[in-house]
């Protein structure tokens, strides 16, 4: 089979190419073999490939198979209690390959209302955003949430989650075209972060002009987050995708002056340290919104990327700021049997 293996970190993403590797073998009794139909391209993947992510110092050291999000079809599940051959599944781990073998605990069944491409577009983003806003940010109905980087794969989920739980949603994007999409999925107001003093625009959009209750920051703009925050508000840091590995240094007095809570959230680390039940409770909260019809997968240029060899181009488009939602690469022809898809 083919996969994109990182034998050593690359300097240019165009260096990433699929190579022939052995079919993965089960590592444990509960491992399931999945034929991959789709993979997602995320900012994390671009950092992993270049050795610029903090996890490269611990979890993601060469050699490893690149890729964090996939969907596919189970081909073998010898000892699994939850999956059978033919089941449509999605998950996250060593995704950029034609086949993947992993523990059943790392897989979820694709909801009947979603195609494989839709499930791949959501991936873990929904659970990450739910945990960020609801568990860490303690967002409540009637409060105002600011979603930074709202047009990204994480951001489009955060907008919809905040709206679904009854919050007023202010979102930031970088173009009119992206603003139109974000309004369609539920944002009450959209601000262009390229405008001068855009933080003042955000505060002016709040009911009393004092700022927002919760900031969801997946881009690494903590100083700006604090400017937009009301007294005793909460900032949840999810990532630093806009900084390309150069982490922001903030003036700590900003936190003191607003009695702000600045909270980091690492979804995967929570599961490793606090146990599977912590992860499962977050997934349950998010999937409840899915089952209620509150979540729409957002796919960029569906059908544009076909085959592992197109991943560098998809990454280039992502880093150039072209994408809205999640870029999804089709890996196998099984995608032809899927049900109706959502395209924005």
C-alpha atoms as a PDB file:
ATOM      1  CA  UNK A   1       0.000   0.000   0.000  1.00  0.00           C
ATOM      2  CA  UNK A   2       0.996   3.646  -0.134  1.00  0.00           C
ATOM      3  CA  UNK A   3       1.405   6.142   2.698  1.00  0.00           C
ATOM      4  CA  UNK A   4       3.124   9.447   3.424  1.00  0.00           C
ATOM      5  CA  UNK A   5       5.901   8.544   5.837  1.00  0.00           C
ATOM      6  CA  UNK A   6       7.961  11.122   7.709  1.00  0.00           C
ATOM      7  CA  UNK A   7      11.416   9.583   7.916  1.00  0.00           C
ATOM      8  CA  UNK A   8      12.871  13.002   8.626  1.00  0.00           C
ATOM      9  CA  UNK A   9      11.238  16.411   8.903  1.00  0.00           C
ATOM     10  CA  UNK A  10      10.854  18.342   5.652  1.00  0.00           C
ATOM     11  CA  UNK A  11      11.628  21.999   5.027  1.00  0.00           C
ATOM     12  CA  UNK A  12       9.209  22.368   2.117  1.00  0.00           C
ATOM     13  CA  UNK A  13       5.810  20.652   2.120  1.00  0.00           C
ATOM     14  CA  UNK A  14       6.207  19.946  -1.599  1.00  0.00           C
ATOM     15  CA  UNK A  15       8.736  17.290  -0.543  1.00  0.00           C
ATOM     16  CA  UNK A  16       5.921  15.147   0.850  1.00  0.00           C
ATOM     17  CA  UNK A  17       5.263  12.203  -1.457  1.00  0.00           C
ATOM     18  CA  UNK A  18       3.576   8.819  -0.979  1.00  0.00           C
ATOM     19  CA  UNK A  19       5.802   5.751  -0.835  1.00  0.00           C
ATOM     20  CA  UNK A  20       5.239   1.995  -0.783  1.00  0.00           C
ATOM     21  CA  UNK A  21       4.977   0.537   2.730  1.00  0.00           C
ATOM     22  CA  UNK A  22       3.788  -2.722   4.245  1.00  0.00           C
ATOM     23  CA  UNK A  23       0.141  -3.258   5.128  1.00  0.00           C
ATOM     24  CA  UNK A  24      -0.251  -2.380   8.840  1.00  0.00           C
ATOM     25  CA  UNK A  25      -0.456  -5.283  11.269  1.00  0.00           C
ATOM     26  CA  UNK A  26      -2.559  -5.331  14.467  1.00  0.00           C
ATOM     27  CA  UNK A  27      -0.687  -4.254  17.583  1.00  0.00           C
ATOM     28  CA  UNK A  28      -3.381  -5.377  20.018  1.00  0.00           C
ATOM     29  CA  UNK A  29      -6.372  -7.696  20.329  1.00  0.00           C
ATOM     30  CA  UNK A  30      -8.838  -4.848  19.765  1.00  0.00           C
ATOM     31  CA  UNK A  31      -7.212  -3.446  16.634  1.00  0.00           C
ATOM     32  CA  UNK A  32      -9.404  -2.846  13.596  1.00  0.00           C
ATOM     33  CA  UNK A  33      -8.191  -2.647   9.986  1.00  0.00           C
ATOM     34  CA  UNK A  34      -9.742   0.215   8.013  1.00  0.00           C
ATOM     35  CA  UNK A  35      -9.560   0.978   4.298  1.00  0.00           C
ATOM     36  CA  UNK A  36      -9.198   4.748   4.183  1.00  0.00           C
ATOM     37  CA  UNK A  37     -11.623   6.604   1.918  1.00  0.00           C
ATOM     38  CA  UNK A  38     -10.825  10.199   2.910  1.00  0.00           C
ATOM     39  CA  UNK A  39      -8.257  12.176   4.865  1.00  0.00           C
ATOM     40  CA  UNK A  40      -8.381  15.764   6.094  1.00  0.00           C
ATOM     41  CA  UNK A  41      -5.648  18.362   5.807  1.00  0.00           C
ATOM     42  CA  UNK A  42      -5.116  20.412   8.969  1.00  0.00           C
ATOM     43  CA  UNK A  43      -2.676  23.017  10.203  1.00  0.00           C
ATOM     44  CA  UNK A  44      -1.393  20.462  12.704  1.00  0.00           C
ATOM     45  CA  UNK A  45      -0.364  18.189   9.830  1.00  0.00           C
ATOM     46  CA  UNK A  46       1.654  20.996   8.216  1.00  0.00           C
ATOM     47  CA  UNK A  47       3.489  21.564  11.500  1.00  0.00           C
ATOM     48  CA  UNK A  48       4.082  17.859  12.187  1.00  0.00           C
ATOM     49  CA  UNK A  49       5.657  17.423   8.759  1.00  0.00           C
ATOM     50  CA  UNK A  50       8.180  20.201   9.437  1.00  0.00           C
ATOM     51  CA  UNK A  51       8.859  19.386  13.092  1.00  0.00           C
ATOM     52  CA  UNK A  52       7.330  22.677  14.260  1.00  0.00           C
ATOM     53  CA  UNK A  53       4.654  21.316  16.605  1.00  0.00           C
ATOM     54  CA  UNK A  54       5.204  20.883  20.337  1.00  0.00           C
ATOM     55  CA  UNK A  55       4.208  17.213  19.980  1.00  0.00           C
ATOM     56  CA  UNK A  56       7.198  16.628  17.708  1.00  0.00           C
ATOM     57  CA  UNK A  57       9.353  16.664  20.822  1.00  0.00           C
ATOM     58  CA  UNK A  58       7.379  13.860  22.434  1.00  0.00           C
ATOM     59  CA  UNK A  59       4.716  11.938  20.505  1.00  0.00           C
ATOM     60  CA  UNK A  60       5.501  12.575  16.840  1.00  0.00           C
ATOM     61  CA  UNK A  61       9.132  11.715  16.242  1.00  0.00           C
ATOM     62  CA  UNK A  62      10.282  10.193  12.934  1.00  0.00           C
ATOM     63  CA  UNK A  63       9.572   7.730  11.563  1.00  0.00           C
ATOM     64  CA  UNK A  64       5.795   8.134  11.569  1.00  0.00           C
ATOM     65  CA  UNK A  65       2.888   8.209   9.137  1.00  0.00           C
ATOM     66  CA  UNK A  66       1.632  11.756   8.689  1.00  0.00           C
ATOM     67  CA  UNK A  67      -2.036  12.711   9.028  1.00  0.00           C
ATOM     68  CA  UNK A  68      -4.466  13.217  11.891  1.00  0.00           C
ATOM     69  CA  UNK A  69      -8.008  12.792  10.489  1.00  0.00           C
ATOM     70  CA  UNK A  70      -9.566  10.114   8.284  1.00  0.00           C
ATOM     71  CA  UNK A  71     -12.727   8.236   7.423  1.00  0.00           C
ATOM     72  CA  UNK A  72     -13.022   4.785   5.918  1.00  0.00           C
ATOM     73  CA  UNK A  73     -14.597   1.350   5.845  1.00  0.00           C
ATOM     74  CA  UNK A  74     -13.760  -1.483   8.241  1.00  0.00           C
ATOM     75  CA  UNK A  75     -12.262  -4.464   6.394  1.00  0.00           C
ATOM     76  CA  UNK A  76     -11.270  -6.619   9.370  1.00  0.00           C
ATOM     77  CA  UNK A  77     -12.277  -6.536  13.037  1.00  0.00           C
ATOM     78  CA  UNK A  78     -11.364  -9.940  14.562  1.00  0.00           C
ATOM     79  CA  UNK A  79     -11.921  -9.172  18.244  1.00  0.00           C
ATOM     80  CA  UNK A  80     -13.823  -5.895  18.144  1.00  0.00           C
ATOM     81  CA  UNK A  81     -16.964  -5.623  20.234  1.00  0.00           C
ATOM     82  CA  UNK A  82     -18.220  -2.564  18.388  1.00  0.00           C
ATOM     83  CA  UNK A  83     -17.263  -2.835  14.705  1.00  0.00           C
ATOM     84  CA  UNK A  84     -17.829  -5.246  11.852  1.00  0.00           C
ATOM     85  CA  UNK A  85     -16.500  -5.380   8.273  1.00  0.00           C
ATOM     86  CA  UNK A  86     -18.386  -2.885   6.151  1.00  0.00           C
ATOM     87  CA  UNK A  87     -18.955  -0.370   8.968  1.00  0.00           C
ATOM     88  CA  UNK A  88     -18.242   3.228   8.010  1.00  0.00           C
ATOM     89  CA  UNK A  89     -15.943   4.828  10.591  1.00  0.00           C
ATOM     90  CA  UNK A  90     -13.885   7.946  11.255  1.00  0.00           C
ATOM     91  CA  UNK A  91     -11.030   8.720  13.603  1.00  0.00           C
ATOM     92  CA  UNK A  92      -7.615  10.278  13.980  1.00  0.00           C
ATOM     93  CA  UNK A  93      -4.192   8.622  13.865  1.00  0.00           C
ATOM     94  CA  UNK A  94      -1.536   8.062  11.158  1.00  0.00           C
ATOM     95  CA  UNK A  95      -4.139   8.958   8.567  1.00  0.00           C
ATOM     96  CA  UNK A  96      -2.242   9.530   5.301  1.00  0.00           C
ATOM     97  CA  UNK A  97      -2.300   5.923   4.141  1.00  0.00           C
ATOM     98  CA  UNK A  98      -4.476   3.571   2.125  1.00  0.00           C
ATOM     99  CA  UNK A  99      -5.050   1.353   5.165  1.00  0.00           C
ATOM    100  CA  UNK A 100      -4.795   1.987   8.874  1.00  0.00           C
ATOM    101  CA  UNK A 101      -4.881  -0.419  11.832  1.00  0.00           C
ATOM    102  CA  UNK A 102      -5.801   1.009  15.210  1.00  0.00           C
ATOM    103  CA  UNK A 103      -7.515   0.272  18.496  1.00  0.00           C
ATOM    104  CA  UNK A 104     -11.312   0.320  18.326  1.00  0.00           C
ATOM    105  CA  UNK A 105     -11.339   2.982  21.063  1.00  0.00           C
ATOM    106  CA  UNK A 106      -9.935   5.446  18.514  1.00  0.00           C
ATOM    107  CA  UNK A 107     -12.795   4.898  16.055  1.00  0.00           C
ATOM    108  CA  UNK A 108     -16.366   6.178  15.862  1.00  0.00           C
ATOM    109  CA  UNK A 109     -19.151   5.108  13.532  1.00  0.00           C
ATOM    110  CA  UNK A 110     -20.109   7.632  10.890  1.00  0.00           C
ATOM    111  CA  UNK A 111     -23.592   9.000  11.722  1.00  0.00           C
ATOM    112  CA  UNK A 112     -26.203   7.711   9.267  1.00  0.00           C
ATOM    113  CA  UNK A 113     -26.962  11.297   8.227  1.00  0.00           C
ATOM    114  CA  UNK A 114     -23.340  11.903   7.141  1.00  0.00           C
ATOM    115  CA  UNK A 115     -21.259  10.672   4.244  1.00  0.00           C
ATOM    116  CA  UNK A 116     -17.668   9.590   4.825  1.00  0.00           C
ATOM    117  CA  UNK A 117     -16.392  12.883   3.414  1.00  0.00           C
ATOM    118  CA  UNK A 118     -18.567  14.832   5.851  1.00  0.00           C
ATOM    119  CA  UNK A 119     -17.393  12.754   8.809  1.00  0.00           C
ATOM    120  CA  UNK A 120     -13.786  13.310   7.762  1.00  0.00           C
ATOM    121  CA  UNK A 121     -14.381  17.060   7.461  1.00  0.00           C
ATOM    122  CA  UNK A 122     -15.605  17.171  11.050  1.00  0.00           C
ATOM    123  CA  UNK A 123     -13.183  14.624  12.495  1.00  0.00           C
ATOM    124  CA  UNK A 124     -12.162  15.469  16.040  1.00  0.00           C
ATOM    125  CA  UNK A 125     -12.786  19.188  15.441  1.00  0.00           C
ATOM    126  CA  UNK A 126     -16.306  18.977  16.804  1.00  0.00           C
ATOM    127  CA  UNK A 127     -15.231  17.302  20.020  1.00  0.00           C
ATOM    128  CA  UNK A 128     -12.250  19.653  20.439  1.00  0.00           C
ATOM    129  CA  UNK A 129     -14.468  22.703  19.978  1.00  0.00           C
ATOM    130  CA  UNK A 130     -17.171  21.329  22.276  1.00  0.00           C
ATOM    131  CA  UNK A 131     -14.656  20.590  25.022  1.00  0.00           C
ATOM    132  CA  UNK A 132     -13.091  24.031  24.592  1.00  0.00           C
ATOM    133  CA  UNK A 133     -16.331  26.003  24.771  1.00  0.00           C
ATOM    134  CA  UNK A 134     -18.458  23.905  27.095  1.00  0.00           C
ATOM    135  CA  UNK A 135     -16.039  22.098  29.429  1.00  0.00           C
ATOM    136  CA  UNK A 136     -13.233  24.639  29.699  1.00  0.00           C
ATOM    137  CA  UNK A 137     -14.986  27.886  28.711  1.00  0.00           C
ATOM    138  CA  UNK A 138     -18.247  27.027  30.509  1.00  0.00           C
ATOM    139  CA  UNK A 139     -20.205  28.923  27.854  1.00  0.00           C
ATOM    140  CA  UNK A 140     -23.838  29.514  28.791  1.00  0.00           C
ATOM    141  CA  UNK A 141     -26.973  30.469  26.922  1.00  0.00           C
ATOM    142  CA  UNK A 142     -27.309  34.246  26.749  1.00  0.00           C
ATOM    143  CA  UNK A 143     -23.559  34.886  26.847  1.00  0.00           C
ATOM    144  CA  UNK A 144     -21.507  36.185  23.911  1.00  0.00           C
ATOM    145  CA  UNK A 145     -18.732  34.102  22.379  1.00  0.00           C
ATOM    146  CA  UNK A 146     -15.981  35.348  20.075  1.00  0.00           C
ATOM    147  CA  UNK A 147     -14.643  32.717  17.662  1.00  0.00           C
ATOM    148  CA  UNK A 148     -11.198  33.589  16.296  1.00  0.00           C
ATOM    149  CA  UNK A 149     -10.273  31.876  13.048  1.00  0.00           C
ATOM    150  CA  UNK A 150     -13.929  31.086  12.430  1.00  0.00           C
ATOM    151  CA  UNK A 151     -13.439  29.912   8.838  1.00  0.00           C
ATOM    152  CA  UNK A 152     -11.033  27.094   9.751  1.00  0.00           C
ATOM    153  CA  UNK A 153     -11.894  23.475  10.419  1.00  0.00           C
ATOM    154  CA  UNK A 154     -12.061  24.064  14.170  1.00  0.00           C
ATOM    155  CA  UNK A 155     -13.688  27.470  13.850  1.00  0.00           C
ATOM    156  CA  UNK A 156     -16.696  26.375  11.796  1.00  0.00           C
ATOM    157  CA  UNK A 157     -17.477  23.792  14.474  1.00  0.00           C
ATOM    158  CA  UNK A 158     -17.063  26.330  17.296  1.00  0.00           C
ATOM    159  CA  UNK A 159     -19.447  28.785  15.619  1.00  0.00           C
ATOM    160  CA  UNK A 160     -22.155  26.150  15.317  1.00  0.00           C
ATOM    161  CA  UNK A 161     -21.688  24.773  18.825  1.00  0.00           C
ATOM    162  CA  UNK A 162     -21.846  28.221  20.437  1.00  0.00           C
ATOM    163  CA  UNK A 163     -24.987  29.050  18.467  1.00  0.00           C
ATOM    164  CA  UNK A 164     -26.608  25.703  19.273  1.00  0.00           C
ATOM    165  CA  UNK A 165     -26.251  26.217  23.031  1.00  0.00           C
ATOM    166  CA  UNK A 166     -27.885  29.658  22.896  1.00  0.00           C
ATOM    167  CA  UNK A 167     -24.930  32.044  22.837  1.00  0.00           C
ATOM    168  CA  UNK A 168     -24.559  35.140  20.685  1.00  0.00           C
ATOM    169  CA  UNK A 169     -21.732  34.462  18.246  1.00  0.00           C
ATOM    170  CA  UNK A 170     -19.215  36.991  16.917  1.00  0.00           C
ATOM    171  CA  UNK A 171     -16.709  35.550  14.451  1.00  0.00           C
ATOM    172  CA  UNK A 172     -13.501  36.788  12.814  1.00  0.00           C
ATOM    173  CA  UNK A 173     -12.496  35.988   9.234  1.00  0.00           C
ATOM    174  CA  UNK A 174     -10.244  37.510   6.581  1.00  0.00           C
ATOM    175  CA  UNK A 175     -12.547  38.040   3.592  1.00  0.00           C
ATOM    176  CA  UNK A 176     -16.113  38.859   2.540  1.00  0.00           C
ATOM    177  CA  UNK A 177     -16.480  35.448   0.904  1.00  0.00           C
ATOM    178  CA  UNK A 178     -15.585  33.652   4.125  1.00  0.00           C
ATOM    179  CA  UNK A 179     -17.874  35.962   6.099  1.00  0.00           C
ATOM    180  CA  UNK A 180     -20.836  34.879   3.954  1.00  0.00           C
ATOM    181  CA  UNK A 181     -20.208  31.200   4.737  1.00  0.00           C
ATOM    182  CA  UNK A 182     -19.800  31.847   8.462  1.00  0.00           C
ATOM    183  CA  UNK A 183     -23.044  33.811   8.609  1.00  0.00           C
ATOM    184  CA  UNK A 184     -24.828  30.945   6.862  1.00  0.00           C
ATOM    185  CA  UNK A 185     -23.762  28.496   9.553  1.00  0.00           C
ATOM    186  CA  UNK A 186     -24.990  30.702  12.393  1.00  0.00           C
ATOM    187  CA  UNK A 187     -22.707  33.620  13.291  1.00  0.00           C
ATOM    188  CA  UNK A 188     -24.672  36.671  14.464  1.00  0.00           C
ATOM    189  CA  UNK A 189     -21.892  39.062  13.448  1.00  0.00           C
ATOM    190  CA  UNK A 190     -18.623  38.790  11.532  1.00  0.00           C
ATOM    191  CA  UNK A 191     -15.558  41.042  11.817  1.00  0.00           C
ATOM    192  CA  UNK A 192     -12.618  41.167   9.410  1.00  0.00           C
ATOM    193  CA  UNK A 193      -9.435  40.732  11.439  1.00  0.00           C
ATOM    194  CA  UNK A 194      -7.504  42.603   8.735  1.00  0.00           C
ATOM    195  CA  UNK A 195      -9.271  45.836   9.701  1.00  0.00           C
ATOM    196  CA  UNK A 196      -7.411  48.268  11.942  1.00  0.00           C
ATOM    197  CA  UNK A 197      -8.619  48.091  15.550  1.00  0.00           C
ATOM    198  CA  UNK A 198     -10.910  45.160  14.795  1.00  0.00           C
ATOM    199  CA  UNK A 199     -10.983  44.385  18.510  1.00  0.00           C
ATOM    200  CA  UNK A 200     -12.944  47.616  19.082  1.00  0.00           C
ATOM    201  CA  UNK A 201     -15.488  46.445  16.505  1.00  0.00           C
ATOM    202  CA  UNK A 202     -15.956  43.227  18.475  1.00  0.00           C
ATOM    203  CA  UNK A 203     -16.575  45.073  21.744  1.00  0.00           C
ATOM    204  CA  UNK A 204     -19.025  47.438  20.029  1.00  0.00           C
ATOM    205  CA  UNK A 205     -21.046  44.414  18.890  1.00  0.00           C
ATOM    206  CA  UNK A 206     -21.622  43.199  22.445  1.00  0.00           C
ATOM    207  CA  UNK A 207     -24.881  44.197  24.131  1.00  0.00           C
ATOM    208  CA  UNK A 208     -23.284  46.558  26.655  1.00  0.00           C
ATOM    209  CA  UNK A 209     -20.045  47.351  24.857  1.00  0.00           C
ATOM    210  CA  UNK A 210     -17.976  45.720  27.612  1.00  0.00           C
ATOM    211  CA  UNK A 211     -16.715  42.795  25.566  1.00  0.00           C
ATOM    212  CA  UNK A 212     -17.428  39.101  25.184  1.00  0.00           C
ATOM    213  CA  UNK A 213     -17.798  36.470  27.888  1.00  0.00           C
ATOM    214  CA  UNK A 214     -15.754  33.756  26.166  1.00  0.00           C
ATOM    215  CA  UNK A 215     -13.057  33.862  23.467  1.00  0.00           C
ATOM    216  CA  UNK A 216     -12.295  30.698  21.519  1.00  0.00           C
ATOM    217  CA  UNK A 217      -8.723  31.154  20.245  1.00  0.00           C
ATOM    218  CA  UNK A 218      -7.446  28.536  17.823  1.00  0.00           C
ATOM    219  CA  UNK A 219      -5.057  30.895  16.033  1.00  0.00           C
ATOM    220  CA  UNK A 220      -2.752  32.279  18.728  1.00  0.00           C
ATOM    221  CA  UNK A 221      -3.948  35.845  19.311  1.00  0.00           C
ATOM    222  CA  UNK A 222      -4.090  36.056  23.073  1.00  0.00           C
ATOM    223  CA  UNK A 223      -3.351  39.791  23.360  1.00  0.00           C
ATOM    224  CA  UNK A 224      -6.237  40.523  20.999  1.00  0.00           C
ATOM    225  CA  UNK A 225      -8.427  38.021  22.853  1.00  0.00           C
ATOM    226  CA  UNK A 226      -7.871  39.896  26.097  1.00  0.00           C
ATOM    227  CA  UNK A 227      -8.708  43.208  24.423  1.00  0.00           C
ATOM    228  CA  UNK A 228     -12.065  41.801  23.328  1.00  0.00           C
ATOM    229  CA  UNK A 229     -12.844  40.280  26.726  1.00  0.00           C
ATOM    230  CA  UNK A 230     -15.116  41.719  29.396  1.00  0.00           C
ATOM    231  CA  UNK A 231     -14.101  41.800  33.055  1.00  0.00           C
ATOM    232  CA  UNK A 232     -13.809  38.268  34.481  1.00  0.00           C
ATOM    233  CA  UNK A 233     -14.250  36.749  31.034  1.00  0.00           C
ATOM    234  CA  UNK A 234     -12.645  33.529  29.826  1.00  0.00           C
ATOM    235  CA  UNK A 235     -10.162  32.896  27.024  1.00  0.00           C
ATOM    236  CA  UNK A 236      -9.744  29.291  25.885  1.00  0.00           C
ATOM    237  CA  UNK A 237      -6.549  28.633  23.917  1.00  0.00           C
ATOM    238  CA  UNK A 238      -6.983  25.764  21.481  1.00  0.00           C
ATOM    239  CA  UNK A 239      -3.997  26.278  19.190  1.00  0.00           C
ATOM    240  CA  UNK A 240      -1.640  28.628  17.384  1.00  0.00           C
ATOM    241  CA  UNK A 241      -2.288  27.861  13.725  1.00  0.00           C
ATOM    242  CA  UNK A 242      -1.736  31.441  12.544  1.00  0.00           C
ATOM    243  CA  UNK A 243       1.754  31.619  14.027  1.00  0.00           C
ATOM    244  CA  UNK A 244       3.512  28.838  12.072  1.00  0.00           C
ATOM    245  CA  UNK A 245       5.298  27.579  15.169  1.00  0.00           C
ATOM    246  CA  UNK A 246       6.263  31.034  16.522  1.00  0.00           C
ATOM    247  CA  UNK A 247       4.309  31.131  19.787  1.00  0.00           C
ATOM    248  CA  UNK A 248       3.031  34.500  21.033  1.00  0.00           C
ATOM    249  CA  UNK A 249       4.488  36.102  24.157  1.00  0.00           C
ATOM    250  CA  UNK A 250       1.930  38.163  26.078  1.00  0.00           C
ATOM    251  CA  UNK A 251       2.021  40.904  28.703  1.00  0.00           C
ATOM    252  CA  UNK A 252       0.700  39.162  31.800  1.00  0.00           C
ATOM    253  CA  UNK A 253      -0.679  42.367  33.335  1.00  0.00           C
ATOM    254  CA  UNK A 254      -3.487  42.208  30.746  1.00  0.00           C
ATOM    255  CA  UNK A 255      -4.758  39.109  32.534  1.00  0.00           C
ATOM    256  CA  UNK A 256      -4.629  40.819  35.926  1.00  0.00           C
ATOM    257  CA  UNK A 257      -6.367  44.028  34.814  1.00  0.00           C
ATOM    258  CA  UNK A 258      -9.437  42.153  33.624  1.00  0.00           C
ATOM    259  CA  UNK A 259      -9.340  39.365  36.226  1.00  0.00           C
ATOM    260  CA  UNK A 260      -9.430  37.132  33.187  1.00  0.00           C
ATOM    261  CA  UNK A 261      -9.244  33.368  33.075  1.00  0.00           C
ATOM    262  CA  UNK A 262      -6.864  32.164  30.355  1.00  0.00           C
ATOM    263  CA  UNK A 263      -7.256  28.429  29.883  1.00  0.00           C
ATOM    264  CA  UNK A 264      -5.419  26.013  27.619  1.00  0.00           C
ATOM    265  CA  UNK A 265      -7.130  22.931  26.245  1.00  0.00           C
ATOM    266  CA  UNK A 266      -5.447  19.861  24.764  1.00  0.00           C
ATOM    267  CA  UNK A 267      -8.144  17.381  23.824  1.00  0.00           C
ATOM    268  CA  UNK A 268      -5.790  14.457  23.252  1.00  0.00           C
ATOM    269  CA  UNK A 269      -3.773  15.066  26.410  1.00  0.00           C
ATOM    270  CA  UNK A 270      -6.977  15.240  28.442  1.00  0.00           C
ATOM    271  CA  UNK A 271      -7.802  11.725  27.288  1.00  0.00           C
ATOM    272  CA  UNK A 272      -4.307  10.443  28.058  1.00  0.00           C
ATOM    273  CA  UNK A 273      -4.176  11.943  31.528  1.00  0.00           C
ATOM    274  CA  UNK A 274      -7.797  11.897  32.683  1.00  0.00           C
ATOM    275  CA  UNK A 275      -8.936   8.695  31.040  1.00  0.00           C
ATOM    276  CA  UNK A 276     -11.226   7.555  28.270  1.00  0.00           C
ATOM    277  CA  UNK A 277     -14.392   8.608  30.084  1.00  0.00           C
ATOM    278  CA  UNK A 278     -13.344  12.247  29.933  1.00  0.00           C
ATOM    279  CA  UNK A 279     -12.962  12.008  26.159  1.00  0.00           C
ATOM    280  CA  UNK A 280     -16.201  10.058  25.798  1.00  0.00           C
ATOM    281  CA  UNK A 281     -18.239  12.611  27.741  1.00  0.00           C
ATOM    282  CA  UNK A 282     -17.038  15.352  25.393  1.00  0.00           C
ATOM    283  CA  UNK A 283     -17.921  13.255  22.350  1.00  0.00           C
ATOM    284  CA  UNK A 284     -21.365  12.551  23.805  1.00  0.00           C
ATOM    285  CA  UNK A 285     -22.026  16.251  24.249  1.00  0.00           C
ATOM    286  CA  UNK A 286     -20.996  17.024  20.684  1.00  0.00           C
ATOM    287  CA  UNK A 287     -22.838  14.097  19.119  1.00  0.00           C
ATOM    288  CA  UNK A 288     -26.025  15.152  20.900  1.00  0.00           C
ATOM    289  CA  UNK A 289     -25.850  18.392  18.889  1.00  0.00           C
ATOM    290  CA  UNK A 290     -25.175  16.381  15.727  1.00  0.00           C
ATOM    291  CA  UNK A 291     -28.214  14.192  16.335  1.00  0.00           C
ATOM    292  CA  UNK A 292     -30.330  17.288  16.952  1.00  0.00           C
ATOM    293  CA  UNK A 293     -29.342  18.592  13.505  1.00  0.00           C
ATOM    294  CA  UNK A 294     -27.342  21.548  14.846  1.00  0.00           C
ATOM    295  CA  UNK A 295     -24.054  20.722  13.085  1.00  0.00           C
ATOM    296  CA  UNK A 296     -23.312  21.040   9.353  1.00  0.00           C
ATOM    297  CA  UNK A 297     -19.963  19.760   8.028  1.00  0.00           C
ATOM    298  CA  UNK A 298     -18.218  22.421   5.947  1.00  0.00           C
ATOM    299  CA  UNK A 299     -16.026  21.091   3.121  1.00  0.00           C
ATOM    300  CA  UNK A 300     -13.689  23.203   1.000  1.00  0.00           C
ATOM    301  CA  UNK A 301     -13.708  22.553  -2.767  1.00  0.00           C
ATOM    302  CA  UNK A 302     -15.136  19.063  -2.425  1.00  0.00           C
ATOM    303  CA  UNK A 303     -13.662  16.697  -5.014  1.00  0.00           C
ATOM    304  CA  UNK A 304     -10.728  18.997  -5.773  1.00  0.00           C
ATOM    305  CA  UNK A 305      -8.111  16.766  -4.127  1.00  0.00           C
ATOM    306  CA  UNK A 306      -7.824  13.118  -5.181  1.00  0.00           C
ATOM    307  CA  UNK A 307      -5.031  10.823  -4.044  1.00  0.00           C
ATOM    308  CA  UNK A 308      -2.237  11.055  -1.494  1.00  0.00           C
ATOM    309  CA  UNK A 309      -0.067  12.911  -4.023  1.00  0.00           C
ATOM    310  CA  UNK A 310      -2.445  15.921  -3.849  1.00  0.00           C
ATOM    311  CA  UNK A 311      -1.877  16.479  -0.126  1.00  0.00           C
ATOM    312  CA  UNK A 312       1.015  18.965  -0.624  1.00  0.00           C
ATOM    313  CA  UNK A 313      -1.227  21.065  -2.890  1.00  0.00           C
ATOM    314  CA  UNK A 314      -4.054  20.935  -0.353  1.00  0.00           C
ATOM    315  CA  UNK A 315      -1.611  22.013   2.351  1.00  0.00           C
ATOM    316  CA  UNK A 316      -0.390  24.890   0.202  1.00  0.00           C
ATOM    317  CA  UNK A 317      -3.971  26.086  -0.315  1.00  0.00           C
ATOM    318  CA  UNK A 318      -4.590  25.852   3.428  1.00  0.00           C
ATOM    319  CA  UNK A 319      -1.514  27.893   4.351  1.00  0.00           C
ATOM    320  CA  UNK A 320      -2.381  30.451   1.662  1.00  0.00           C
ATOM    321  CA  UNK A 321      -5.675  31.125   3.453  1.00  0.00           C
ATOM    322  CA  UNK A 322      -7.857  29.900   0.594  1.00  0.00           C
ATOM    323  CA  UNK A 323      -9.874  27.325   2.514  1.00  0.00           C
ATOM    324  CA  UNK A 324     -13.161  27.534   4.390  1.00  0.00           C
ATOM    325  CA  UNK A 325     -13.934  24.651   6.699  1.00  0.00           C
ATOM    326  CA  UNK A 326     -11.888  21.524   6.137  1.00  0.00           C
ATOM    327  CA  UNK A 327     -10.033  20.377   3.021  1.00  0.00           C
ATOM    328  CA  UNK A 328     -10.703  16.683   2.403  1.00  0.00           C
ATOM    329  CA  UNK A 329      -8.656  14.422   0.117  1.00  0.00           C
ATOM    330  CA  UNK A 330     -10.319  11.392  -1.503  1.00  0.00           C
ATOM    331  CA  UNK A 331      -8.116   8.300  -1.222  1.00  0.00           C
ATOM    332  CA  UNK A 332     -10.243   5.431  -2.572  1.00  0.00           C
ATOM    333  CA  UNK A 333     -13.141   4.961  -4.968  1.00  0.00           C
ATOM    334  CA  UNK A 334     -15.428   3.698  -2.186  1.00  0.00           C
ATOM    335  CA  UNK A 335     -16.521   7.305  -1.852  1.00  0.00           C
ATOM    336  CA  UNK A 336     -18.763   6.786  -4.885  1.00  0.00           C
ATOM    337  CA  UNK A 337     -21.233   4.750  -2.844  1.00  0.00           C
ATOM    338  CA  UNK A 338     -21.729   7.470  -0.238  1.00  0.00           C
ATOM    339  CA  UNK A 339     -24.952   9.304   0.371  1.00  0.00           C
ATOM    340  CA  UNK A 340     -25.768  12.986  -0.213  1.00  0.00           C
ATOM    341  CA  UNK A 341     -23.014  15.455   0.653  1.00  0.00           C
ATOM    342  CA  UNK A 342     -22.957  19.018   1.918  1.00  0.00           C
ATOM    343  CA  UNK A 343     -20.991  21.525  -0.125  1.00  0.00           C
ATOM    344  CA  UNK A 344     -20.521  25.214   0.720  1.00  0.00           C
END
